[in-house]
Amino acid sequence: MEKITLNVSKREGVGKNSVDKLRVEKQIPGILYGKDLESTPIQAVEKDIMKVAAEAGTSTLVDLNVDGDVKKILFKEIQMHPFKNQILHFDAYAVNMNEKIRLSIPVILHNRDEISAQPSVLLQHLDEVEVECLPGSLPSAAEVDVENLQIGDVVVVADLDVSSIEGIDVLSDAEEPVCSLQEPREEAPEVDEGEEAEEDAADVPTVDETEAEENEEE
C-alpha cells in the first residue's frame, strides 16, 4: 500500500480563542501522543487533514511529518462537526513499530451487488473485527468475497482474509457470523384504507338492527 503522509506543525496557542482563530485560518487543531511520547499540540491544513482522514480512517498507518520529524501514527479519534463536513479536532497516536497493537478494523464485503443467487437479501451482522499484530502488518480492513454465496450460506469470522494471514491474530470469535444470504421476505398485501373503513363500518350494527334484536329478546 502506498504511504499516506500528513504534514503538520506544532501548535503554540491553546484554549478556545486560539482554536477558533486556527479554524478561521483553515487550520485544524490536533494532539500527538504516544506511550513514551510527551503530548504535543499540533495543527494541520484543513484540506490536507480532510483528505488523509478520509483515506486512512482509524485503521491505517500514516506518516506524520511534524516540522521535519516523521512518526508513524494512527488516528485514535477524528471529531467531526455535528452537521457540516468539517473536522473539529484530531488525535494522533504514535505507534512503536516493534510492539504489537490491538485494533478494531472494518469488515468489507466485496461484490455484494454482484451476488449470483437471486432474488436474495444479504444481511451483514458484523461491521468490525478486533486484531492484534505489529503495526507494519496491520491490515486496513478484513475482507471477504460474497459474489458466489448461495441462499442459506453464512460467512463467519474464520472466513475473512485476515484469519489466514501470518502474523495477524484475530481476537474476535472465529465462529461469529459476519453476514448471511437469505431469501426475500414476503410482504403482507397492503389494505386500502377506504376498503378497511368500509369493512369496519359493516361490522357496526345499524339502529334498525339494534331495535330488532331488542324486540326479539322481549
N, C-alpha and C. Protein backbone atom coordinates (compact mmCIF):
# COMPACT_ATOMS: atom_id res chain seq x y z
N MET A 1 0.84 -1.20 0.00
CA MET A 1 0.00 0.00 0.00
C MET A 1 0.88 1.25 0.00
N GLU A 2 0.48 2.23 -0.77
CA GLU A 2 1.23 3.47 -0.86
C GLU A 2 1.18 4.21 0.47
N LYS A 3 2.31 4.83 0.83
CA LYS A 3 2.38 5.56 2.09
C LYS A 3 1.43 6.76 2.08
N ILE A 4 0.85 7.00 3.23
CA ILE A 4 -0.01 8.17 3.40
C ILE A 4 0.73 9.13 4.32
N THR A 5 0.92 10.35 3.88
CA THR A 5 1.68 11.33 4.64
C THR A 5 0.83 12.55 4.96
N LEU A 6 0.96 13.03 6.19
CA LEU A 6 0.29 14.26 6.60
C LEU A 6 1.32 15.19 7.21
N ASN A 7 1.43 16.38 6.65
CA ASN A 7 2.33 17.39 7.17
C ASN A 7 1.61 18.25 8.20
N VAL A 8 2.19 18.35 9.38
CA VAL A 8 1.62 19.17 10.45
C VAL A 8 2.72 20.03 11.06
N SER A 9 2.32 20.95 11.90
CA SER A 9 3.28 21.78 12.63
C SER A 9 2.85 21.86 14.09
N LYS A 10 3.81 22.16 14.96
CA LYS A 10 3.50 22.30 16.37
C LYS A 10 2.62 23.52 16.58
N ARG A 11 1.72 23.38 17.54
CA ARG A 11 0.75 24.46 17.83
C ARG A 11 1.16 25.16 19.11
N GLU A 12 1.30 26.46 19.00
CA GLU A 12 1.75 27.24 20.16
C GLU A 12 0.59 27.58 21.09
N GLY A 13 -0.47 28.13 20.54
CA GLY A 13 -1.58 28.59 21.37
C GLY A 13 -2.54 27.46 21.72
N VAL A 14 -3.13 27.54 22.92
CA VAL A 14 -4.16 26.60 23.33
C VAL A 14 -5.35 27.39 23.85
N GLY A 15 -6.47 26.72 24.06
CA GLY A 15 -7.66 27.42 24.52
C GLY A 15 -8.60 27.73 23.38
N LYS A 16 -9.83 28.09 23.72
CA LYS A 16 -10.89 28.29 22.74
C LYS A 16 -10.57 29.40 21.75
N ASN A 17 -10.08 30.53 22.23
CA ASN A 17 -9.80 31.66 21.34
C ASN A 17 -8.75 31.29 20.30
N SER A 18 -7.72 30.59 20.76
CA SER A 18 -6.66 30.18 19.84
C SER A 18 -7.17 29.19 18.80
N VAL A 19 -7.99 28.25 19.27
CA VAL A 19 -8.55 27.23 18.36
C VAL A 19 -9.50 27.87 17.35
N ASP A 20 -10.33 28.80 17.80
CA ASP A 20 -11.25 29.49 16.88
C ASP A 20 -10.47 30.25 15.81
N LYS A 21 -9.37 30.86 16.20
CA LYS A 21 -8.54 31.61 15.24
C LYS A 21 -7.94 30.66 14.21
N LEU A 22 -7.49 29.48 14.68
CA LEU A 22 -6.93 28.49 13.77
C LEU A 22 -7.94 28.10 12.69
N ARG A 23 -9.17 27.84 13.13
CA ARG A 23 -10.19 27.37 12.19
C ARG A 23 -10.54 28.45 11.17
N VAL A 24 -10.50 29.70 11.59
CA VAL A 24 -10.73 30.80 10.64
C VAL A 24 -9.64 30.79 9.58
N GLU A 25 -8.44 30.39 9.97
CA GLU A 25 -7.30 30.35 9.05
C GLU A 25 -7.22 29.01 8.31
N LYS A 26 -8.30 28.21 8.38
CA LYS A 26 -8.37 26.91 7.70
C LYS A 26 -7.31 25.93 8.22
N GLN A 27 -7.03 26.02 9.52
CA GLN A 27 -6.14 25.08 10.18
C GLN A 27 -6.96 24.30 11.22
N ILE A 28 -6.65 23.03 11.37
CA ILE A 28 -7.39 22.18 12.30
C ILE A 28 -6.48 21.76 13.45
N PRO A 29 -6.91 21.97 14.71
CA PRO A 29 -6.09 21.59 15.85
C PRO A 29 -6.10 20.09 16.09
N GLY A 30 -4.99 19.59 16.63
CA GLY A 30 -4.89 18.17 16.97
C GLY A 30 -3.93 17.98 18.12
N ILE A 31 -3.77 16.72 18.53
CA ILE A 31 -2.84 16.38 19.59
C ILE A 31 -2.08 15.13 19.18
N LEU A 32 -0.78 15.15 19.37
CA LEU A 32 0.07 13.98 19.10
C LEU A 32 0.52 13.42 20.44
N TYR A 33 0.32 12.11 20.64
CA TYR A 33 0.74 11.48 21.88
C TYR A 33 1.12 10.03 21.62
N GLY A 34 1.73 9.42 22.61
CA GLY A 34 2.14 8.03 22.48
C GLY A 34 2.59 7.47 23.81
N LYS A 35 2.94 6.19 23.83
CA LYS A 35 3.30 5.50 25.07
C LYS A 35 4.49 6.17 25.74
N ASP A 36 5.52 6.46 24.99
CA ASP A 36 6.73 7.08 25.54
C ASP A 36 6.96 8.46 24.93
N LEU A 37 5.87 9.14 24.64
CA LEU A 37 5.98 10.44 23.97
C LEU A 37 5.16 11.48 24.71
N GLU A 38 5.75 12.61 24.96
CA GLU A 38 5.02 13.70 25.61
C GLU A 38 3.97 14.26 24.66
N SER A 39 2.79 14.51 25.19
CA SER A 39 1.70 15.03 24.35
C SER A 39 2.10 16.38 23.76
N THR A 40 1.86 16.52 22.45
CA THR A 40 2.26 17.73 21.74
C THR A 40 1.08 18.28 20.94
N PRO A 41 0.65 19.53 21.22
CA PRO A 41 -0.40 20.14 20.40
C PRO A 41 0.13 20.38 18.98
N ILE A 42 -0.66 20.00 17.99
CA ILE A 42 -0.26 20.18 16.60
C ILE A 42 -1.42 20.78 15.80
N GLN A 43 -1.14 21.18 14.58
CA GLN A 43 -2.18 21.70 13.69
C GLN A 43 -1.89 21.27 12.27
N ALA A 44 -2.97 21.11 11.48
CA ALA A 44 -2.84 20.68 10.09
C ALA A 44 -3.73 21.54 9.20
N VAL A 45 -3.32 21.69 7.96
CA VAL A 45 -4.14 22.41 6.99
C VAL A 45 -5.45 21.64 6.79
N GLU A 46 -6.57 22.34 6.81
CA GLU A 46 -7.88 21.70 6.79
C GLU A 46 -8.04 20.75 5.61
N LYS A 47 -7.71 21.18 4.41
CA LYS A 47 -7.92 20.33 3.23
C LYS A 47 -7.02 19.10 3.27
N ASP A 48 -5.83 19.24 3.89
CA ASP A 48 -4.91 18.10 3.98
C ASP A 48 -5.43 17.04 4.95
N ILE A 49 -5.87 17.47 6.13
CA ILE A 49 -6.35 16.51 7.13
C ILE A 49 -7.65 15.87 6.67
N MET A 50 -8.50 16.60 5.96
CA MET A 50 -9.74 16.03 5.44
C MET A 50 -9.42 14.90 4.45
N LYS A 51 -8.46 15.13 3.56
CA LYS A 51 -8.09 14.13 2.55
C LYS A 51 -7.47 12.89 3.20
N VAL A 52 -6.54 13.10 4.11
CA VAL A 52 -5.84 11.98 4.74
C VAL A 52 -6.77 11.19 5.65
N ALA A 53 -7.60 11.88 6.41
CA ALA A 53 -8.52 11.19 7.31
C ALA A 53 -9.51 10.33 6.54
N ALA A 54 -9.99 10.83 5.40
CA ALA A 54 -10.92 10.06 4.58
C ALA A 54 -10.24 8.82 4.00
N GLU A 55 -8.97 8.93 3.69
CA GLU A 55 -8.24 7.82 3.09
C GLU A 55 -7.79 6.79 4.12
N ALA A 56 -7.36 7.26 5.29
CA ALA A 56 -6.78 6.37 6.29
C ALA A 56 -7.78 5.87 7.31
N GLY A 57 -8.80 6.68 7.63
CA GLY A 57 -9.71 6.29 8.70
C GLY A 57 -8.95 6.13 10.00
N THR A 58 -9.36 5.16 10.82
CA THR A 58 -8.68 4.93 12.09
C THR A 58 -7.96 3.58 12.13
N SER A 59 -7.76 2.98 10.96
CA SER A 59 -7.12 1.66 10.93
C SER A 59 -5.96 1.56 9.94
N THR A 60 -5.44 2.70 9.49
CA THR A 60 -4.33 2.70 8.54
C THR A 60 -3.21 3.60 9.05
N LEU A 61 -1.98 3.10 8.99
CA LEU A 61 -0.83 3.89 9.44
C LEU A 61 -0.62 5.11 8.55
N VAL A 62 -0.25 6.19 9.18
CA VAL A 62 0.02 7.44 8.49
C VAL A 62 1.40 7.95 8.90
N ASP A 63 2.18 8.44 7.95
CA ASP A 63 3.45 9.11 8.27
C ASP A 63 3.14 10.56 8.62
N LEU A 64 3.28 10.89 9.90
CA LEU A 64 3.01 12.24 10.36
C LEU A 64 4.31 13.02 10.40
N ASN A 65 4.41 14.02 9.54
CA ASN A 65 5.61 14.85 9.45
C ASN A 65 5.41 16.10 10.30
N VAL A 66 6.06 16.10 11.50
CA VAL A 66 5.94 17.22 12.42
C VAL A 66 7.17 18.11 12.28
N ASP A 67 7.05 19.11 11.43
CA ASP A 67 8.18 20.03 11.21
C ASP A 67 9.47 19.28 10.87
N GLY A 68 9.35 18.25 10.05
CA GLY A 68 10.53 17.50 9.60
C GLY A 68 10.78 16.22 10.36
N ASP A 69 10.14 16.03 11.50
CA ASP A 69 10.29 14.80 12.29
C ASP A 69 9.12 13.87 11.98
N VAL A 70 9.39 12.74 11.32
CA VAL A 70 8.33 11.84 10.86
C VAL A 70 8.08 10.73 11.87
N LYS A 71 6.82 10.54 12.22
CA LYS A 71 6.41 9.48 13.13
C LYS A 71 5.27 8.69 12.51
N LYS A 72 5.25 7.39 12.77
CA LYS A 72 4.15 6.54 12.33
C LYS A 72 3.01 6.69 13.34
N ILE A 73 1.83 7.04 12.84
CA ILE A 73 0.70 7.26 13.75
C ILE A 73 -0.56 6.57 13.24
N LEU A 74 -1.49 6.40 14.17
CA LEU A 74 -2.87 6.02 13.85
C LEU A 74 -3.77 7.13 14.37
N PHE A 75 -4.81 7.45 13.65
CA PHE A 75 -5.80 8.39 14.17
C PHE A 75 -6.64 7.66 15.22
N LYS A 76 -6.55 8.11 16.46
CA LYS A 76 -7.35 7.49 17.52
C LYS A 76 -8.76 8.05 17.53
N GLU A 77 -8.89 9.33 17.21
CA GLU A 77 -10.21 9.95 17.16
C GLU A 77 -10.19 11.11 16.18
N ILE A 78 -11.24 11.21 15.40
CA ILE A 78 -11.42 12.34 14.48
C ILE A 78 -12.78 12.94 14.80
N GLN A 79 -12.77 14.09 15.42
CA GLN A 79 -14.02 14.71 15.85
C GLN A 79 -14.61 15.54 14.71
N MET A 80 -15.82 15.17 14.28
CA MET A 80 -16.47 15.86 13.17
C MET A 80 -17.50 16.86 13.67
N HIS A 81 -17.75 17.87 12.87
CA HIS A 81 -18.83 18.83 13.15
C HIS A 81 -20.16 18.08 13.08
N PRO A 82 -21.12 18.39 13.98
CA PRO A 82 -22.38 17.62 14.00
C PRO A 82 -23.17 17.62 12.70
N PHE A 83 -23.07 18.68 11.89
CA PHE A 83 -23.85 18.67 10.64
C PHE A 83 -23.09 19.21 9.43
N LYS A 84 -21.85 19.62 9.60
CA LYS A 84 -21.03 20.06 8.48
C LYS A 84 -19.96 19.01 8.19
N ASN A 85 -19.53 18.93 6.94
CA ASN A 85 -18.43 18.05 6.59
C ASN A 85 -17.12 18.74 6.95
N GLN A 86 -16.84 18.77 8.26
CA GLN A 86 -15.71 19.54 8.76
C GLN A 86 -15.13 18.84 9.99
N ILE A 87 -13.80 18.72 10.02
CA ILE A 87 -13.12 18.14 11.18
C ILE A 87 -12.88 19.25 12.20
N LEU A 88 -13.23 18.97 13.45
CA LEU A 88 -13.03 19.96 14.52
C LEU A 88 -11.72 19.71 15.27
N HIS A 89 -11.32 18.44 15.40
CA HIS A 89 -10.12 18.10 16.16
C HIS A 89 -9.72 16.67 15.82
N PHE A 90 -8.42 16.38 15.95
CA PHE A 90 -7.98 15.00 15.69
C PHE A 90 -6.92 14.59 16.72
N ASP A 91 -6.94 13.29 17.06
CA ASP A 91 -5.95 12.71 17.97
C ASP A 91 -5.06 11.77 17.17
N ALA A 92 -3.75 12.01 17.22
CA ALA A 92 -2.79 11.16 16.50
C ALA A 92 -1.96 10.38 17.52
N TYR A 93 -2.01 9.05 17.43
CA TYR A 93 -1.29 8.19 18.37
C TYR A 93 -0.04 7.64 17.70
N ALA A 94 1.13 7.98 18.25
CA ALA A 94 2.40 7.49 17.71
C ALA A 94 2.62 6.04 18.13
N VAL A 95 2.84 5.16 17.18
CA VAL A 95 2.99 3.73 17.47
C VAL A 95 4.46 3.34 17.50
N ASN A 96 4.74 2.31 18.28
CA ASN A 96 6.07 1.69 18.30
C ASN A 96 6.03 0.54 17.31
N MET A 97 6.82 0.60 16.28
CA MET A 97 6.76 -0.41 15.22
C MET A 97 7.22 -1.78 15.68
N ASN A 98 7.82 -1.85 16.87
CA ASN A 98 8.31 -3.13 17.39
C ASN A 98 7.38 -3.73 18.45
N GLU A 99 6.28 -3.07 18.71
CA GLU A 99 5.32 -3.57 19.70
C GLU A 99 3.97 -3.84 19.04
N LYS A 100 3.38 -4.98 19.40
CA LYS A 100 2.08 -5.32 18.84
C LYS A 100 1.00 -4.37 19.35
N ILE A 101 0.02 -4.13 18.53
CA ILE A 101 -1.11 -3.29 18.91
C ILE A 101 -2.40 -4.05 18.66
N ARG A 102 -3.42 -3.69 19.43
CA ARG A 102 -4.77 -4.22 19.23
C ARG A 102 -5.63 -3.13 18.61
N LEU A 103 -6.41 -3.54 17.62
CA LEU A 103 -7.21 -2.54 16.91
C LEU A 103 -8.43 -3.21 16.27
N SER A 104 -9.53 -2.49 16.23
CA SER A 104 -10.71 -2.95 15.50
C SER A 104 -10.64 -2.41 14.08
N ILE A 105 -10.78 -3.30 13.12
CA ILE A 105 -10.72 -2.89 11.71
C ILE A 105 -12.07 -3.19 11.06
N PRO A 106 -12.44 -2.41 10.04
CA PRO A 106 -13.75 -2.61 9.41
C PRO A 106 -13.82 -3.88 8.57
N VAL A 107 -15.03 -4.44 8.47
CA VAL A 107 -15.29 -5.60 7.62
C VAL A 107 -15.82 -5.09 6.28
N ILE A 108 -15.24 -5.57 5.20
CA ILE A 108 -15.67 -5.17 3.85
C ILE A 108 -16.14 -6.41 3.09
N LEU A 109 -17.37 -6.34 2.57
CA LEU A 109 -17.94 -7.43 1.77
C LEU A 109 -17.82 -7.06 0.30
N HIS A 110 -16.95 -7.75 -0.40
CA HIS A 110 -16.73 -7.44 -1.82
C HIS A 110 -17.81 -8.09 -2.69
N ASN A 111 -18.18 -7.37 -3.78
CA ASN A 111 -19.13 -7.86 -4.79
C ASN A 111 -20.52 -8.12 -4.21
N ARG A 112 -20.91 -7.34 -3.23
CA ARG A 112 -22.23 -7.53 -2.64
C ARG A 112 -23.34 -7.18 -3.63
N ASP A 113 -23.02 -6.38 -4.65
CA ASP A 113 -24.03 -6.05 -5.67
C ASP A 113 -23.98 -7.01 -6.86
N GLU A 114 -23.08 -8.00 -6.80
CA GLU A 114 -22.93 -8.94 -7.92
C GLU A 114 -23.29 -10.36 -7.50
N ILE A 115 -24.00 -10.54 -6.43
CA ILE A 115 -24.34 -11.88 -5.94
C ILE A 115 -25.15 -12.63 -6.99
N SER A 116 -24.71 -13.85 -7.31
CA SER A 116 -25.33 -14.61 -8.40
C SER A 116 -26.68 -15.21 -8.00
N ALA A 117 -26.85 -15.58 -6.74
CA ALA A 117 -28.11 -16.19 -6.29
C ALA A 117 -29.16 -15.10 -6.10
N GLN A 118 -30.11 -15.07 -7.01
CA GLN A 118 -31.14 -14.03 -6.97
C GLN A 118 -32.53 -14.65 -7.16
N PRO A 119 -33.59 -14.11 -6.54
CA PRO A 119 -33.56 -12.97 -5.62
C PRO A 119 -33.00 -13.38 -4.25
N SER A 120 -32.36 -12.44 -3.58
CA SER A 120 -31.78 -12.74 -2.27
C SER A 120 -31.56 -11.44 -1.51
N VAL A 121 -31.33 -11.59 -0.21
CA VAL A 121 -31.04 -10.44 0.65
C VAL A 121 -29.79 -10.76 1.45
N LEU A 122 -28.77 -9.89 1.35
CA LEU A 122 -27.54 -10.07 2.11
C LEU A 122 -27.63 -9.29 3.41
N LEU A 123 -27.50 -9.98 4.52
CA LEU A 123 -27.55 -9.34 5.84
C LEU A 123 -26.15 -9.32 6.43
N GLN A 124 -25.67 -8.13 6.78
CA GLN A 124 -24.36 -8.02 7.43
C GLN A 124 -24.56 -7.92 8.94
N HIS A 125 -23.96 -8.86 9.67
CA HIS A 125 -24.16 -8.95 11.12
C HIS A 125 -23.00 -8.34 11.90
N LEU A 126 -21.85 -8.18 11.26
CA LEU A 126 -20.65 -7.70 11.96
C LEU A 126 -19.97 -6.64 11.10
N ASP A 127 -19.69 -5.49 11.71
CA ASP A 127 -19.07 -4.39 10.99
C ASP A 127 -17.57 -4.29 11.23
N GLU A 128 -17.10 -4.83 12.36
CA GLU A 128 -15.68 -4.74 12.71
C GLU A 128 -15.20 -6.04 13.35
N VAL A 129 -13.90 -6.30 13.25
CA VAL A 129 -13.27 -7.39 13.99
C VAL A 129 -12.03 -6.83 14.67
N GLU A 130 -11.69 -7.43 15.80
CA GLU A 130 -10.51 -6.98 16.55
C GLU A 130 -9.31 -7.86 16.20
N VAL A 131 -8.19 -7.22 15.92
CA VAL A 131 -6.96 -7.94 15.57
C VAL A 131 -5.81 -7.45 16.43
N GLU A 132 -4.76 -8.27 16.49
CA GLU A 132 -3.53 -7.89 17.18
C GLU A 132 -2.36 -8.26 16.30
N CYS A 133 -1.45 -7.31 16.10
CA CYS A 133 -0.29 -7.56 15.25
C CYS A 133 0.70 -6.41 15.39
N LEU A 134 1.87 -6.57 14.78
CA LEU A 134 2.81 -5.47 14.70
C LEU A 134 2.25 -4.41 13.76
N PRO A 135 2.52 -3.13 14.03
CA PRO A 135 1.96 -2.08 13.18
C PRO A 135 2.28 -2.25 11.70
N GLY A 136 3.45 -2.80 11.39
CA GLY A 136 3.82 -2.97 9.99
C GLY A 136 2.98 -4.01 9.27
N SER A 137 2.31 -4.88 10.04
CA SER A 137 1.46 -5.92 9.44
C SER A 137 -0.02 -5.57 9.52
N LEU A 138 -0.33 -4.39 10.01
CA LEU A 138 -1.73 -4.02 10.25
C LEU A 138 -2.52 -3.92 8.95
N PRO A 139 -3.59 -4.72 8.81
CA PRO A 139 -4.44 -4.60 7.62
C PRO A 139 -5.42 -3.44 7.81
N SER A 140 -5.78 -2.78 6.74
CA SER A 140 -6.72 -1.66 6.85
C SER A 140 -8.15 -2.15 6.99
N ALA A 141 -8.41 -3.42 6.59
CA ALA A 141 -9.77 -3.97 6.67
C ALA A 141 -9.71 -5.49 6.65
N ALA A 142 -10.80 -6.11 7.08
CA ALA A 142 -10.99 -7.56 6.97
C ALA A 142 -11.97 -7.80 5.82
N GLU A 143 -11.58 -8.59 4.82
CA GLU A 143 -12.35 -8.67 3.58
C GLU A 143 -12.81 -10.09 3.27
N VAL A 144 -13.90 -10.16 2.51
CA VAL A 144 -14.38 -11.45 2.01
C VAL A 144 -15.23 -11.19 0.77
N ASP A 145 -15.15 -12.11 -0.20
CA ASP A 145 -15.93 -12.00 -1.44
C ASP A 145 -17.25 -12.76 -1.25
N VAL A 146 -18.36 -12.08 -1.49
CA VAL A 146 -19.67 -12.72 -1.27
C VAL A 146 -20.42 -13.00 -2.58
N GLU A 147 -19.75 -12.84 -3.70
CA GLU A 147 -20.42 -12.98 -5.01
C GLU A 147 -21.05 -14.36 -5.20
N ASN A 148 -20.39 -15.42 -4.74
CA ASN A 148 -20.86 -16.79 -5.00
C ASN A 148 -21.63 -17.41 -3.86
N LEU A 149 -22.08 -16.61 -2.92
CA LEU A 149 -22.88 -17.16 -1.82
C LEU A 149 -24.20 -17.71 -2.35
N GLN A 150 -24.70 -18.76 -1.69
CA GLN A 150 -25.99 -19.33 -2.02
C GLN A 150 -26.96 -19.07 -0.87
N ILE A 151 -28.24 -19.17 -1.17
CA ILE A 151 -29.26 -18.95 -0.14
C ILE A 151 -28.99 -19.87 1.05
N GLY A 152 -28.95 -19.27 2.25
CA GLY A 152 -28.70 -20.05 3.46
C GLY A 152 -27.25 -20.04 3.91
N ASP A 153 -26.33 -19.59 3.05
CA ASP A 153 -24.91 -19.55 3.42
C ASP A 153 -24.68 -18.49 4.50
N VAL A 154 -23.76 -18.82 5.42
CA VAL A 154 -23.36 -17.89 6.49
C VAL A 154 -21.84 -17.76 6.47
N VAL A 155 -21.37 -16.53 6.40
CA VAL A 155 -19.93 -16.25 6.47
C VAL A 155 -19.58 -15.94 7.91
N VAL A 156 -18.53 -16.58 8.44
CA VAL A 156 -18.10 -16.34 9.82
C VAL A 156 -16.72 -15.67 9.81
N VAL A 157 -16.28 -15.25 10.99
CA VAL A 157 -15.01 -14.54 11.12
C VAL A 157 -13.85 -15.35 10.54
N ALA A 158 -13.90 -16.67 10.71
CA ALA A 158 -12.83 -17.53 10.20
C ALA A 158 -12.71 -17.47 8.68
N ASP A 159 -13.77 -17.03 7.99
CA ASP A 159 -13.75 -16.95 6.52
C ASP A 159 -13.12 -15.65 6.01
N LEU A 160 -12.88 -14.69 6.89
CA LEU A 160 -12.29 -13.41 6.47
C LEU A 160 -10.82 -13.60 6.12
N ASP A 161 -10.33 -12.79 5.19
CA ASP A 161 -8.95 -12.95 4.72
C ASP A 161 -7.92 -12.81 5.84
N VAL A 162 -8.19 -11.94 6.82
CA VAL A 162 -7.20 -11.71 7.88
C VAL A 162 -7.00 -12.94 8.76
N SER A 163 -7.97 -13.85 8.76
CA SER A 163 -7.87 -15.04 9.60
C SER A 163 -6.80 -16.00 9.12
N SER A 164 -6.36 -15.83 7.88
CA SER A 164 -5.35 -16.75 7.33
C SER A 164 -4.02 -16.05 7.02
N ILE A 165 -3.87 -14.80 7.49
CA ILE A 165 -2.64 -14.05 7.23
C ILE A 165 -1.68 -14.24 8.40
N GLU A 166 -0.48 -14.73 8.10
CA GLU A 166 0.52 -14.99 9.14
C GLU A 166 0.92 -13.66 9.81
N GLY A 167 1.04 -13.70 11.13
CA GLY A 167 1.45 -12.51 11.87
C GLY A 167 0.29 -11.68 12.38
N ILE A 168 -0.94 -12.07 12.00
CA ILE A 168 -2.13 -11.34 12.46
C ILE A 168 -2.98 -12.28 13.31
N ASP A 169 -3.20 -11.90 14.54
CA ASP A 169 -4.06 -12.68 15.43
C ASP A 169 -5.44 -12.03 15.47
N VAL A 170 -6.45 -12.78 15.05
CA VAL A 170 -7.82 -12.28 15.09
C VAL A 170 -8.41 -12.62 16.45
N LEU A 171 -8.79 -11.60 17.21
CA LEU A 171 -9.26 -11.81 18.58
C LEU A 171 -10.77 -12.04 18.65
N SER A 172 -11.48 -11.67 17.62
CA SER A 172 -12.92 -11.91 17.59
C SER A 172 -13.19 -13.40 17.45
N ASP A 173 -14.33 -13.87 17.96
CA ASP A 173 -14.71 -15.28 17.91
C ASP A 173 -14.74 -15.76 16.46
N ALA A 174 -13.99 -16.83 16.19
CA ALA A 174 -13.86 -17.34 14.82
C ALA A 174 -15.18 -17.78 14.23
N GLU A 175 -16.13 -18.21 15.08
CA GLU A 175 -17.42 -18.71 14.58
C GLU A 175 -18.52 -17.64 14.61
N GLU A 176 -18.16 -16.41 14.95
CA GLU A 176 -19.18 -15.34 14.97
C GLU A 176 -19.62 -15.01 13.54
N PRO A 177 -20.94 -14.98 13.27
CA PRO A 177 -21.42 -14.67 11.92
C PRO A 177 -21.06 -13.26 11.48
N VAL A 178 -20.58 -13.16 10.25
CA VAL A 178 -20.26 -11.86 9.65
C VAL A 178 -21.41 -11.40 8.76
N CYS A 179 -21.92 -12.31 7.94
CA CYS A 179 -23.04 -12.00 7.06
C CYS A 179 -23.74 -13.29 6.67
N SER A 180 -24.93 -13.17 6.12
CA SER A 180 -25.68 -14.35 5.66
C SER A 180 -26.54 -13.95 4.47
N LEU A 181 -26.83 -14.95 3.63
CA LEU A 181 -27.66 -14.70 2.45
C LEU A 181 -29.00 -15.40 2.66
N GLN A 182 -30.06 -14.64 2.55
CA GLN A 182 -31.40 -15.17 2.81
C GLN A 182 -32.35 -14.85 1.67
N GLU A 183 -33.44 -15.61 1.65
CA GLU A 183 -34.50 -15.33 0.67
C GLU A 183 -35.23 -14.05 1.08
N PRO A 184 -35.74 -13.32 0.10
CA PRO A 184 -36.51 -12.11 0.44
C PRO A 184 -37.77 -12.50 1.21
N ARG A 185 -38.11 -11.71 2.20
CA ARG A 185 -39.33 -11.97 2.97
C ARG A 185 -40.53 -11.46 2.20
N GLU A 186 -41.62 -12.26 2.19
CA GLU A 186 -42.84 -11.84 1.52
C GLU A 186 -43.56 -10.80 2.37
N GLU A 187 -43.91 -9.72 1.72
CA GLU A 187 -44.61 -8.66 2.44
C GLU A 187 -46.11 -8.92 2.41
N ALA A 188 -46.78 -8.61 3.51
CA ALA A 188 -48.23 -8.77 3.58
C ALA A 188 -48.88 -7.79 2.61
N PRO A 189 -49.95 -8.23 1.91
CA PRO A 189 -50.60 -7.33 0.95
C PRO A 189 -51.15 -6.10 1.65
N GLU A 190 -50.99 -4.97 0.99
CA GLU A 190 -51.48 -3.72 1.56
C GLU A 190 -53.00 -3.65 1.46
N VAL A 191 -53.62 -3.14 2.49
CA VAL A 191 -55.07 -2.98 2.52
C VAL A 191 -55.40 -1.52 2.30
N ASP A 192 -56.24 -1.28 1.32
CA ASP A 192 -56.64 0.09 1.04
C ASP A 192 -57.41 0.66 2.24
N GLU A 193 -57.06 1.87 2.66
CA GLU A 193 -57.69 2.49 3.82
C GLU A 193 -59.20 2.64 3.64
N GLY A 194 -59.62 2.92 2.38
CA GLY A 194 -61.05 3.08 2.10
C GLY A 194 -61.79 1.77 2.30
N GLU A 195 -61.17 0.66 1.82
CA GLU A 195 -61.80 -0.66 1.97
C GLU A 195 -61.85 -1.05 3.44
N GLU A 196 -60.75 -0.72 4.17
CA GLU A 196 -60.70 -1.07 5.59
C GLU A 196 -61.80 -0.33 6.36
N ALA A 197 -62.01 0.95 5.98
CA ALA A 197 -63.04 1.75 6.65
C ALA A 197 -64.43 1.18 6.37
N GLU A 198 -64.64 0.71 5.11
CA GLU A 198 -65.94 0.14 4.75
C GLU A 198 -66.20 -1.15 5.54
N GLU A 199 -65.13 -1.98 5.72
CA GLU A 199 -65.29 -3.22 6.46
C GLU A 199 -65.62 -2.94 7.92
N ASP A 200 -64.94 -1.94 8.49
CA ASP A 200 -65.20 -1.59 9.88
C ASP A 200 -66.64 -1.10 10.04
N ALA A 201 -67.09 -0.30 9.07
CA ALA A 201 -68.43 0.24 9.15
C ALA A 201 -69.47 -0.88 9.03
N ALA A 202 -69.16 -1.92 8.22
CA ALA A 202 -70.11 -3.02 8.04
C ALA A 202 -70.28 -3.82 9.33
N ASP A 203 -69.27 -3.79 10.19
CA ASP A 203 -69.34 -4.54 11.44
C ASP A 203 -70.17 -3.84 12.51
N VAL A 204 -70.47 -2.55 12.31
CA VAL A 204 -71.22 -1.78 13.31
C VAL A 204 -72.72 -1.90 13.02
N PRO A 205 -73.53 -2.42 13.96
CA PRO A 205 -74.98 -2.59 13.71
C PRO A 205 -75.68 -1.26 13.55
N THR A 206 -76.69 -1.23 12.66
CA THR A 206 -77.46 0.00 12.47
C THR A 206 -78.51 0.11 13.57
N VAL A 207 -79.20 1.26 13.64
CA VAL A 207 -80.23 1.49 14.66
C VAL A 207 -81.37 0.50 14.50
N ASP A 208 -81.79 0.24 13.23
CA ASP A 208 -82.90 -0.68 12.96
C ASP A 208 -82.53 -2.09 13.42
N GLU A 209 -81.26 -2.50 13.18
CA GLU A 209 -80.84 -3.84 13.57
C GLU A 209 -80.84 -3.98 15.08
N THR A 210 -80.43 -2.91 15.78
CA THR A 210 -80.37 -2.94 17.24
C THR A 210 -81.75 -3.07 17.82
N GLU A 211 -82.72 -2.27 17.26
CA GLU A 211 -84.10 -2.31 17.74
C GLU A 211 -84.70 -3.71 17.50
N ALA A 212 -84.41 -4.30 16.32
CA ALA A 212 -84.97 -5.63 16.01
C ALA A 212 -84.46 -6.66 17.01
N GLU A 213 -83.18 -6.57 17.37
CA GLU A 213 -82.62 -7.53 18.32
C GLU A 213 -83.25 -7.37 19.69
N GLU A 214 -83.49 -6.13 20.09
CA GLU A 214 -84.13 -5.88 21.39
C GLU A 214 -85.55 -6.42 21.45
N ASN A 215 -86.35 -6.28 20.31
CA ASN A 215 -87.72 -6.77 20.23
C ASN A 215 -87.76 -8.30 20.34
N GLU A 216 -86.74 -8.94 19.71
CA GLU A 216 -86.71 -10.39 19.74
C GLU A 216 -86.48 -10.89 21.16
N GLU A 217 -85.61 -10.16 21.90
CA GLU A 217 -85.32 -10.54 23.29
C GLU A 217 -86.57 -10.42 24.16
N GLU A 218 -87.47 -9.40 23.90
CA GLU A 218 -88.69 -9.20 24.66
C GLU A 218 -89.67 -10.33 24.35
